[in-house]
Amino acid sequence: MTLSLYDAVIPSNLQILGALDGLIAKAESFANDRGMLPAELIDARLAPDMLPFGYQVKSCAVHSIGGIEGVRGGSFSPDMKPWPTDFAGLHAVIADAIATLQGVDRAEFGALVERDTQFAMGELRLPFTGGQFLLSFSQPNFYFHATTAYAILRAQGVAIGKKDFLGKLRIKR
């Protein structure tokens, strides 16, 4: 079996986005059980100079479907829009990303491999092919933000473990 760009990106993004939605549900339950305001977890950070949980969740959507849209359009820039400030909004961001990824056409996605794509931020411009961008920029960022979201919740005392991060494994059938 030849591993395609689709195989290397889409199923893993779907797996981790599903797991992240589960983490949001556990965070919401944790906050409700303790009488916490949602903002206490959504605004939680690992360090003062890091962005909060809500941003980490939003960034997983940005580096999954947003990365693909950037390749389709030939350019990706960081999404500076605010993140949702409630759990329902965070669930919605993830649900939208999942639904959009589920609709990605395998053949159309495969055609993105050689598409010229640039990362643009201010004056900085980095040239990539679509495959290079997705595998060396978007995918590492996706996992960084997913891991950081998980770590923030762990640091806040939410009872989660590795199984929660991994989500539903894609096992041989």
C-alpha atoms as a PDB file:
ATOM      1  CA  MET A   1       0.000   0.000   0.000  1.00  0.00           C
ATOM      2  CA  THR A   2       1.281   3.420  -0.919  1.00  0.00           C
ATOM      3  CA  LEU A   3       0.746   6.074   1.720  1.00  0.00           C
ATOM      4  CA  SER A   4      -0.819   9.176   0.190  1.00  0.00           C
ATOM      5  CA  LEU A   5      -0.846  12.740   1.494  1.00  0.00           C
ATOM      6  CA  TYR A   6      -4.510  12.179   2.348  1.00  0.00           C
ATOM      7  CA  ASP A   7      -3.622   9.092   4.399  1.00  0.00           C
ATOM      8  CA  ALA A   8      -0.837  10.965   6.205  1.00  0.00           C
ATOM      9  CA  VAL A   9      -3.002  13.937   7.172  1.00  0.00           C
ATOM     10  CA  ILE A  10      -6.785  13.537   7.155  1.00  0.00           C
ATOM     11  CA  PRO A  11      -7.365  10.399   9.304  1.00  0.00           C
ATOM     12  CA  SER A  12      -4.922  11.560  11.992  1.00  0.00           C
ATOM     13  CA  ASN A  13      -6.461  15.028  12.107  1.00  0.00           C
ATOM     14  CA  LEU A  14      -9.900  13.469  12.481  1.00  0.00           C
ATOM     15  CA  GLN A  15      -8.678  11.147  15.240  1.00  0.00           C
ATOM     16  CA  ILE A  16      -7.114  13.920  17.321  1.00  0.00           C
ATOM     17  CA  LEU A  17      -9.944  16.409  16.704  1.00  0.00           C
ATOM     18  CA  GLY A  18     -12.395  13.786  17.986  1.00  0.00           C
ATOM     19  CA  ALA A  19     -10.211  13.253  21.040  1.00  0.00           C
ATOM     20  CA  LEU A  20      -9.975  17.011  21.567  1.00  0.00           C
ATOM     21  CA  ASP A  21     -13.750  17.268  21.524  1.00  0.00           C
ATOM     22  CA  GLY A  22     -13.775  14.645  24.278  1.00  0.00           C
ATOM     23  CA  LEU A  23     -11.233  16.698  26.247  1.00  0.00           C
ATOM     24  CA  ILE A  24     -13.470  19.752  25.959  1.00  0.00           C
ATOM     25  CA  ALA A  25     -16.389  17.695  27.296  1.00  0.00           C
ATOM     26  CA  LYS A  26     -14.293  16.542  30.256  1.00  0.00           C
ATOM     27  CA  ALA A  27     -13.193  20.130  30.921  1.00  0.00           C
ATOM     28  CA  GLU A  28     -16.812  21.281  30.851  1.00  0.00           C
ATOM     29  CA  SER A  29     -17.849  18.539  33.264  1.00  0.00           C
ATOM     30  CA  PHE A  30     -14.897  19.346  35.537  1.00  0.00           C
ATOM     31  CA  ALA A  31     -15.862  23.027  35.631  1.00  0.00           C
ATOM     32  CA  ASN A  32     -19.540  22.248  36.282  1.00  0.00           C
ATOM     33  CA  ASP A  33     -18.729  19.786  39.071  1.00  0.00           C
ATOM     34  CA  ARG A  34     -16.578  22.386  40.822  1.00  0.00           C
ATOM     35  CA  GLY A  35     -18.775  25.407  40.214  1.00  0.00           C
ATOM     36  CA  MET A  36     -16.074  27.028  38.077  1.00  0.00           C
ATOM     37  CA  LEU A  37     -16.750  29.604  35.424  1.00  0.00           C
ATOM     38  CA  PRO A  38     -15.887  28.268  31.932  1.00  0.00           C
ATOM     39  CA  ALA A  39     -13.335  31.068  31.577  1.00  0.00           C
ATOM     40  CA  GLU A  40     -11.255  29.574  34.392  1.00  0.00           C
ATOM     41  CA  LEU A  41     -10.352  26.658  32.093  1.00  0.00           C
ATOM     42  CA  ILE A  42     -10.734  28.310  28.684  1.00  0.00           C
ATOM     43  CA  ASP A  43      -8.338  31.082  29.735  1.00  0.00           C
ATOM     44  CA  ALA A  44      -5.918  28.752  31.567  1.00  0.00           C
ATOM     45  CA  ARG A  45      -2.292  28.722  30.393  1.00  0.00           C
ATOM     46  CA  LEU A  46       0.769  26.601  31.051  1.00  0.00           C
ATOM     47  CA  ALA A  47       2.965  29.683  31.342  1.00  0.00           C
ATOM     48  CA  PRO A  48       2.306  33.433  31.337  1.00  0.00           C
ATOM     49  CA  ASP A  49       3.803  33.852  27.859  1.00  0.00           C
ATOM     50  CA  MET A  50       1.748  31.032  26.292  1.00  0.00           C
ATOM     51  CA  LEU A  51      -1.717  31.375  24.836  1.00  0.00           C
ATOM     52  CA  PRO A  52      -4.664  29.796  26.685  1.00  0.00           C
ATOM     53  CA  PHE A  53      -6.643  26.602  26.248  1.00  0.00           C
ATOM     54  CA  GLY A  54      -9.259  28.243  24.014  1.00  0.00           C
ATOM     55  CA  TYR A  55      -6.578  29.406  21.603  1.00  0.00           C
ATOM     56  CA  GLN A  56      -4.989  25.941  21.546  1.00  0.00           C
ATOM     57  CA  VAL A  57      -8.324  24.370  20.577  1.00  0.00           C
ATOM     58  CA  LYS A  58      -8.966  26.952  17.859  1.00  0.00           C
ATOM     59  CA  SER A  59      -5.445  26.439  16.526  1.00  0.00           C
ATOM     60  CA  CYS A  60      -6.071  22.725  16.024  1.00  0.00           C
ATOM     61  CA  ALA A  61      -8.882  23.630  13.633  1.00  0.00           C
ATOM     62  CA  VAL A  62      -6.700  26.292  12.003  1.00  0.00           C
ATOM     63  CA  HIS A  63      -3.845  23.852  11.374  1.00  0.00           C
ATOM     64  CA  SER A  64      -6.130  21.114  10.095  1.00  0.00           C
ATOM     65  CA  ILE A  65      -8.771  22.520   7.784  1.00  0.00           C
ATOM     66  CA  GLY A  66      -7.236  26.006   7.746  1.00  0.00           C
ATOM     67  CA  GLY A  67      -3.943  24.565   6.551  1.00  0.00           C
ATOM     68  CA  ILE A  68      -5.712  22.735   3.741  1.00  0.00           C
ATOM     69  CA  GLU A  69      -7.591  25.888   2.750  1.00  0.00           C
ATOM     70  CA  GLY A  70      -4.274  27.749   2.747  1.00  0.00           C
ATOM     71  CA  VAL A  71      -2.776  25.230   0.331  1.00  0.00           C
ATOM     72  CA  ARG A  72      -5.859  25.397  -1.872  1.00  0.00           C
ATOM     73  CA  GLY A  73      -5.541  29.180  -1.986  1.00  0.00           C
ATOM     74  CA  GLY A  74      -1.743  29.223  -2.268  1.00  0.00           C
ATOM     75  CA  SER A  75      -1.071  31.078   0.986  1.00  0.00           C
ATOM     76  CA  PHE A  76      -1.501  30.524   4.708  1.00  0.00           C
ATOM     77  CA  SER A  77      -1.361  33.237   7.352  1.00  0.00           C
ATOM     78  CA  PRO A  78      -1.932  32.856  11.089  1.00  0.00           C
ATOM     79  CA  ASP A  79      -5.571  33.236  12.115  1.00  0.00           C
ATOM     80  CA  MET A  80      -5.635  36.135  14.558  1.00  0.00           C
ATOM     81  CA  LYS A  81      -9.392  36.052  15.173  1.00  0.00           C
ATOM     82  CA  PRO A  82     -10.482  35.499  18.775  1.00  0.00           C
ATOM     83  CA  TRP A  83     -11.248  32.014  19.999  1.00  0.00           C
ATOM     84  CA  PRO A  84     -14.583  30.965  21.514  1.00  0.00           C
ATOM     85  CA  THR A  85     -15.055  31.929  25.146  1.00  0.00           C
ATOM     86  CA  ASP A  86     -17.443  29.122  26.069  1.00  0.00           C
ATOM     87  CA  PHE A  87     -17.439  25.352  25.818  1.00  0.00           C
ATOM     88  CA  ALA A  88     -20.259  25.291  23.251  1.00  0.00           C
ATOM     89  CA  GLY A  89     -18.184  27.514  20.969  1.00  0.00           C
ATOM     90  CA  LEU A  90     -15.126  25.288  21.355  1.00  0.00           C
ATOM     91  CA  HIS A  91     -17.214  22.204  20.552  1.00  0.00           C
ATOM     92  CA  ALA A  92     -18.570  24.022  17.479  1.00  0.00           C
ATOM     93  CA  VAL A  93     -15.086  24.883  16.193  1.00  0.00           C
ATOM     94  CA  ILE A  94     -14.068  21.232  16.452  1.00  0.00           C
ATOM     95  CA  ALA A  95     -17.336  19.934  14.975  1.00  0.00           C
ATOM     96  CA  ASP A  96     -16.966  22.270  11.998  1.00  0.00           C
ATOM     97  CA  ALA A  97     -13.373  21.176  11.395  1.00  0.00           C
ATOM     98  CA  ILE A  98     -14.366  17.499  11.612  1.00  0.00           C
ATOM     99  CA  ALA A  99     -17.299  17.928   9.227  1.00  0.00           C
ATOM    100  CA  THR A 100     -15.148  19.834   6.760  1.00  0.00           C
ATOM    101  CA  LEU A 101     -12.345  17.252   6.889  1.00  0.00           C
ATOM    102  CA  GLN A 102     -14.838  14.427   6.394  1.00  0.00           C
ATOM    103  CA  GLY A 103     -15.904  16.140   3.180  1.00  0.00           C
ATOM    104  CA  VAL A 104     -12.399  16.413   1.724  1.00  0.00           C
ATOM    105  CA  ASP A 105     -12.154  14.570  -1.574  1.00  0.00           C
ATOM    106  CA  ARG A 106      -9.193  12.172  -1.641  1.00  0.00           C
ATOM    107  CA  ALA A 107      -8.321  12.841  -5.298  1.00  0.00           C
ATOM    108  CA  GLU A 108      -8.609  16.617  -4.956  1.00  0.00           C
ATOM    109  CA  PHE A 109      -6.467  16.480  -1.828  1.00  0.00           C
ATOM    110  CA  GLY A 110      -3.810  14.425  -3.597  1.00  0.00           C
ATOM    111  CA  ALA A 111      -3.528  17.119  -6.252  1.00  0.00           C
ATOM    112  CA  LEU A 112      -2.423  19.595  -3.555  1.00  0.00           C
ATOM    113  CA  VAL A 113       0.948  17.865  -3.057  1.00  0.00           C
ATOM    114  CA  GLU A 114       2.871  20.039  -5.540  1.00  0.00           C
ATOM    115  CA  ARG A 115       0.744  23.210  -5.317  1.00  0.00           C
ATOM    116  CA  ASP A 116       2.851  26.282  -4.580  1.00  0.00           C
ATOM    117  CA  THR A 117       2.018  27.472  -1.080  1.00  0.00           C
ATOM    118  CA  GLN A 118       3.509  30.221   1.009  1.00  0.00           C
ATOM    119  CA  PHE A 119       3.416  30.932   4.686  1.00  0.00           C
ATOM    120  CA  ALA A 120       2.883  34.665   5.101  1.00  0.00           C
ATOM    121  CA  MET A 121       3.181  36.584   8.353  1.00  0.00           C
ATOM    122  CA  GLY A 122       3.925  40.268   8.185  1.00  0.00           C
ATOM    123  CA  GLU A 123       6.950  40.635   5.926  1.00  0.00           C
ATOM    124  CA  LEU A 124       7.938  36.965   6.330  1.00  0.00           C
ATOM    125  CA  ARG A 125       7.251  34.715   3.339  1.00  0.00           C
ATOM    126  CA  LEU A 126       8.240  31.042   3.325  1.00  0.00           C
ATOM    127  CA  PRO A 127       7.790  29.042   0.103  1.00  0.00           C
ATOM    128  CA  PHE A 128       6.533  25.449   0.240  1.00  0.00           C
ATOM    129  CA  THR A 129       4.835  22.873  -1.896  1.00  0.00           C
ATOM    130  CA  GLY A 130       1.433  21.895  -0.528  1.00  0.00           C
ATOM    131  CA  GLY A 131       2.782  18.594   0.742  1.00  0.00           C
ATOM    132  CA  GLN A 132       5.770  20.228   2.410  1.00  0.00           C
ATOM    133  CA  PHE A 133       3.564  22.827   4.067  1.00  0.00           C
ATOM    134  CA  LEU A 134       1.016  20.334   5.383  1.00  0.00           C
ATOM    135  CA  LEU A 135       3.583  17.807   6.631  1.00  0.00           C
ATOM    136  CA  SER A 136       6.340  20.097   7.919  1.00  0.00           C
ATOM    137  CA  PHE A 137       4.382  23.115   9.136  1.00  0.00           C
ATOM    138  CA  SER A 138       0.659  22.536   9.656  1.00  0.00           C
ATOM    139  CA  GLN A 139       0.832  18.993  11.014  1.00  0.00           C
ATOM    140  CA  PRO A 140       3.545  19.721  13.626  1.00  0.00           C
ATOM    141  CA  ASN A 141       1.628  22.845  14.681  1.00  0.00           C
ATOM    142  CA  PHE A 142      -1.590  20.822  14.886  1.00  0.00           C
ATOM    143  CA  TYR A 143       0.014  18.313  17.271  1.00  0.00           C
ATOM    144  CA  PHE A 144       1.733  21.048  19.273  1.00  0.00           C
ATOM    145  CA  HIS A 145      -1.574  22.813  19.962  1.00  0.00           C
ATOM    146  CA  ALA A 146      -3.429  19.560  20.684  1.00  0.00           C
ATOM    147  CA  THR A 147      -0.721  18.506  23.137  1.00  0.00           C
ATOM    148  CA  THR A 148      -0.699  21.936  24.763  1.00  0.00           C
ATOM    149  CA  ALA A 149      -4.496  21.890  25.165  1.00  0.00           C
ATOM    150  CA  TYR A 150      -4.203  18.473  26.835  1.00  0.00           C
ATOM    151  CA  ALA A 151      -1.362  19.659  29.093  1.00  0.00           C
ATOM    152  CA  ILE A 152      -3.277  22.749  30.187  1.00  0.00           C
ATOM    153  CA  LEU A 153      -6.230  20.635  31.293  1.00  0.00           C
ATOM    154  CA  ARG A 154      -3.938  18.184  33.107  1.00  0.00           C
ATOM    155  CA  ALA A 155      -2.228  21.087  34.883  1.00  0.00           C
ATOM    156  CA  GLN A 156      -5.641  22.371  35.966  1.00  0.00           C
ATOM    157  CA  GLY A 157      -6.495  19.007  37.529  1.00  0.00           C
ATOM    158  CA  VAL A 158      -8.870  17.599  34.901  1.00  0.00           C
ATOM    159  CA  ALA A 159      -8.771  13.800  35.179  1.00  0.00           C
ATOM    160  CA  ILE A 160      -7.518  12.864  31.718  1.00  0.00           C
ATOM    161  CA  GLY A 161      -4.855  10.493  30.494  1.00  0.00           C
ATOM    162  CA  LYS A 162      -3.066   9.371  27.368  1.00  0.00           C
ATOM    163  CA  LYS A 163      -6.109   7.425  26.178  1.00  0.00           C
ATOM    164  CA  ASP A 164      -8.084  10.677  26.186  1.00  0.00           C
ATOM    165  CA  PHE A 165      -5.436  12.348  24.026  1.00  0.00           C
ATOM    166  CA  LEU A 166      -5.208   9.483  21.540  1.00  0.00           C
ATOM    167  CA  GLY A 167      -8.960   9.171  21.002  1.00  0.00           C
ATOM    168  CA  LYS A 168     -10.369   6.421  18.835  1.00  0.00           C
ATOM    169  CA  LEU A 169      -7.517   4.383  17.380  1.00  0.00           C
ATOM    170  CA  ARG A 170      -7.699   3.237  13.767  1.00  0.00           C
ATOM    171  CA  ILE A 171      -7.058  -0.463  14.263  1.00  0.00           C
ATOM    172  CA  LYS A 172      -6.860  -3.245  11.662  1.00  0.00           C
ATOM    173  CA  ARG A 173     -10.219  -4.771  10.897  1.00  0.00           C
END
